[in-house]
Amino acid sequence: MITNVTVGAGQPSRLIESAAGQAVTPSEVTKSFGEFLKTAIDGVNEQEHAVSKVTDRFILGQADVSEVMITAEQAQLSLQLTSQVRNKVIEAYHEIMRMQL
């Protein structure tokens, strides 16, 4: 959890994390945020593959309709959440670009 932001004169900004107790640069935070997003998108992709596998099992008579529906609904909700997060990020980017310096 980030608890404090300090900016020193002539030094790059550093974010202080309370859990690790060590300073983290903004580029490191950006990298970890990027890794978090990649992990989340990979999770959505895995859910889409799971739907495909369950559907194939259903066609072969090895899965129940409820299992197919639950898996498909979970994947759909994950995709909707990802889409909403993307929309919020784009909205925030546009808001930042509208700011005057």
C-alpha atoms as a PDB file:
ATOM      1  CA  MET A   1       0.000   0.000   0.000  1.00  0.00           C
ATOM      2  CA  ILE A   2       1.350   3.421  -0.937  1.00  0.00           C
ATOM      3  CA  THR A   3       1.206   5.734   2.027  1.00  0.00           C
ATOM      4  CA  ASN A   4       3.312   8.739   1.106  1.00  0.00           C
ATOM      5  CA  VAL A   5       4.660  10.536  -1.960  1.00  0.00           C
ATOM      6  CA  THR A   6       7.815  12.583  -1.528  1.00  0.00           C
ATOM      7  CA  VAL A   7       9.494  14.824  -4.085  1.00  0.00           C
ATOM      8  CA  GLY A   8      13.023  15.946  -3.345  1.00  0.00           C
ATOM      9  CA  ALA A   9      14.787  18.921  -4.927  1.00  0.00           C
ATOM     10  CA  GLY A  10      16.798  17.679  -7.895  1.00  0.00           C
ATOM     11  CA  GLN A  11      15.854  14.054  -7.242  1.00  0.00           C
ATOM     12  CA  PRO A  12      13.327  11.911  -9.075  1.00  0.00           C
ATOM     13  CA  SER A  13      10.017  11.422  -7.301  1.00  0.00           C
ATOM     14  CA  ARG A  14       9.853   8.389  -5.088  1.00  0.00           C
ATOM     15  CA  LEU A  15       6.860   6.550  -3.760  1.00  0.00           C
ATOM     16  CA  ILE A  16       7.170   5.091  -0.274  1.00  0.00           C
ATOM     17  CA  GLU A  17       5.582   1.708   0.346  1.00  0.00           C
ATOM     18  CA  SER A  18       4.735   0.885   3.908  1.00  0.00           C
ATOM     19  CA  ALA A  19       4.690  -2.923   3.512  1.00  0.00           C
ATOM     20  CA  ALA A  20       8.168  -3.321   2.032  1.00  0.00           C
ATOM     21  CA  GLY A  21       9.668  -0.264   3.671  1.00  0.00           C
ATOM     22  CA  GLN A  22      11.669   0.608   0.554  1.00  0.00           C
ATOM     23  CA  ALA A  23      11.374   3.454  -1.947  1.00  0.00           C
ATOM     24  CA  VAL A  24       9.957   2.722  -5.389  1.00  0.00           C
ATOM     25  CA  THR A  25      10.404   4.928  -8.457  1.00  0.00           C
ATOM     26  CA  PRO A  26       7.461   5.885 -10.682  1.00  0.00           C
ATOM     27  CA  SER A  27       8.835   3.740 -13.514  1.00  0.00           C
ATOM     28  CA  GLU A  28       8.802   0.704 -11.216  1.00  0.00           C
ATOM     29  CA  VAL A  29       5.215   1.457 -10.199  1.00  0.00           C
ATOM     30  CA  THR A  30       4.240   1.773 -13.869  1.00  0.00           C
ATOM     31  CA  LYS A  31       5.936  -1.544 -14.613  1.00  0.00           C
ATOM     32  CA  SER A  32       4.130  -3.309 -11.759  1.00  0.00           C
ATOM     33  CA  PHE A  33       0.797  -1.768 -12.846  1.00  0.00           C
ATOM     34  CA  GLY A  34       1.451  -2.979 -16.382  1.00  0.00           C
ATOM     35  CA  GLU A  35       2.187  -6.470 -15.069  1.00  0.00           C
ATOM     36  CA  PHE A  36      -1.037  -6.363 -13.043  1.00  0.00           C
ATOM     37  CA  LEU A  37      -3.041  -5.441 -16.155  1.00  0.00           C
ATOM     38  CA  LYS A  38      -1.337  -8.152 -18.202  1.00  0.00           C
ATOM     39  CA  THR A  39      -2.145 -10.735 -15.524  1.00  0.00           C
ATOM     40  CA  ALA A  40      -5.783  -9.605 -15.447  1.00  0.00           C
ATOM     41  CA  ILE A  41      -6.118  -9.783 -19.232  1.00  0.00           C
ATOM     42  CA  ASP A  42      -4.468 -13.197 -19.256  1.00  0.00           C
ATOM     43  CA  GLY A  43      -7.055 -14.312 -16.674  1.00  0.00           C
ATOM     44  CA  VAL A  44      -9.890 -13.159 -18.938  1.00  0.00           C
ATOM     45  CA  ASN A  45      -8.288 -15.009 -21.839  1.00  0.00           C
ATOM     46  CA  GLU A  46      -8.029 -18.190 -19.737  1.00  0.00           C
ATOM     47  CA  GLN A  47     -11.715 -17.908 -18.864  1.00  0.00           C
ATOM     48  CA  GLU A  48     -12.579 -17.630 -22.561  1.00  0.00           C
ATOM     49  CA  HIS A  49     -10.562 -20.804 -23.216  1.00  0.00           C
ATOM     50  CA  ALA A  50     -12.354 -22.516 -20.325  1.00  0.00           C
ATOM     51  CA  VAL A  51     -15.719 -21.678 -21.911  1.00  0.00           C
ATOM     52  CA  SER A  52     -14.529 -23.193 -25.148  1.00  0.00           C
ATOM     53  CA  LYS A  53     -13.383 -26.375 -23.388  1.00  0.00           C
ATOM     54  CA  VAL A  54     -16.615 -26.734 -21.405  1.00  0.00           C
ATOM     55  CA  THR A  55     -18.646 -26.175 -24.561  1.00  0.00           C
ATOM     56  CA  ASP A  56     -16.681 -28.901 -26.331  1.00  0.00           C
ATOM     57  CA  ARG A  57     -17.276 -31.221 -23.368  1.00  0.00           C
ATOM     58  CA  PHE A  58     -20.995 -30.367 -23.497  1.00  0.00           C
ATOM     59  CA  ILE A  59     -21.151 -31.251 -27.181  1.00  0.00           C
ATOM     60  CA  LEU A  60     -19.593 -34.618 -26.358  1.00  0.00           C
ATOM     61  CA  GLY A  61     -22.110 -35.125 -23.545  1.00  0.00           C
ATOM     62  CA  GLN A  62     -19.517 -34.884 -20.772  1.00  0.00           C
ATOM     63  CA  ALA A  63     -20.731 -31.597 -19.224  1.00  0.00           C
ATOM     64  CA  ASP A  64     -24.031 -30.308 -17.903  1.00  0.00           C
ATOM     65  CA  VAL A  65     -25.871 -27.272 -19.308  1.00  0.00           C
ATOM     66  CA  SER A  66     -25.578 -25.483 -15.970  1.00  0.00           C
ATOM     67  CA  GLU A  67     -21.795 -25.857 -16.016  1.00  0.00           C
ATOM     68  CA  VAL A  68     -21.661 -24.361 -19.510  1.00  0.00           C
ATOM     69  CA  MET A  69     -23.916 -21.467 -18.532  1.00  0.00           C
ATOM     70  CA  ILE A  70     -22.020 -20.677 -15.325  1.00  0.00           C
ATOM     71  CA  THR A  71     -18.642 -20.757 -17.074  1.00  0.00           C
ATOM     72  CA  ALA A  72     -19.936 -18.613 -19.939  1.00  0.00           C
ATOM     73  CA  GLU A  73     -21.471 -16.079 -17.552  1.00  0.00           C
ATOM     74  CA  GLN A  74     -18.244 -15.805 -15.549  1.00  0.00           C
ATOM     75  CA  ALA A  75     -16.276 -15.173 -18.731  1.00  0.00           C
ATOM     76  CA  GLN A  76     -18.813 -12.608 -19.911  1.00  0.00           C
ATOM     77  CA  LEU A  77     -18.677 -10.720 -16.608  1.00  0.00           C
ATOM     78  CA  SER A  78     -14.878 -10.719 -16.678  1.00  0.00           C
ATOM     79  CA  LEU A  79     -14.891  -9.367 -20.217  1.00  0.00           C
ATOM     80  CA  GLN A  80     -17.406  -6.656 -19.279  1.00  0.00           C
ATOM     81  CA  LEU A  81     -15.282  -5.645 -16.289  1.00  0.00           C
ATOM     82  CA  THR A  82     -12.177  -5.478 -18.471  1.00  0.00           C
ATOM     83  CA  SER A  83     -14.044  -3.346 -20.980  1.00  0.00           C
ATOM     84  CA  GLN A  84     -15.230  -0.948 -18.258  1.00  0.00           C
ATOM     85  CA  VAL A  85     -11.718  -0.626 -16.815  1.00  0.00           C
ATOM     86  CA  ARG A  86     -10.427   0.120 -20.321  1.00  0.00           C
ATOM     87  CA  ASN A  87     -13.099   2.787 -20.779  1.00  0.00           C
ATOM     88  CA  LYS A  88     -12.179   4.412 -17.455  1.00  0.00           C
ATOM     89  CA  VAL A  89      -8.478   4.435 -18.350  1.00  0.00           C
ATOM     90  CA  ILE A  90      -9.220   6.078 -21.703  1.00  0.00           C
ATOM     91  CA  GLU A  91     -11.506   8.596 -20.000  1.00  0.00           C
ATOM     92  CA  ALA A  92      -8.774   9.438 -17.469  1.00  0.00           C
ATOM     93  CA  TYR A  93      -6.226   9.814 -20.276  1.00  0.00           C
ATOM     94  CA  HIS A  94      -8.514  12.207 -22.152  1.00  0.00           C
ATOM     95  CA  GLU A  95      -9.093  14.201 -18.962  1.00  0.00           C
ATOM     96  CA  ILE A  96      -5.347  14.515 -18.401  1.00  0.00           C
ATOM     97  CA  MET A  97      -4.837  15.616 -22.006  1.00  0.00           C
ATOM     98  CA  ARG A  98      -7.477  18.354 -21.519  1.00  0.00           C
ATOM     99  CA  MET A  99      -5.625  19.782 -18.510  1.00  0.00           C
ATOM    100  CA  GLN A 100      -3.855  23.069 -19.067  1.00  0.00           C
ATOM    101  CA  LEU A 101      -0.395  23.580 -17.675  1.00  0.00           C
END
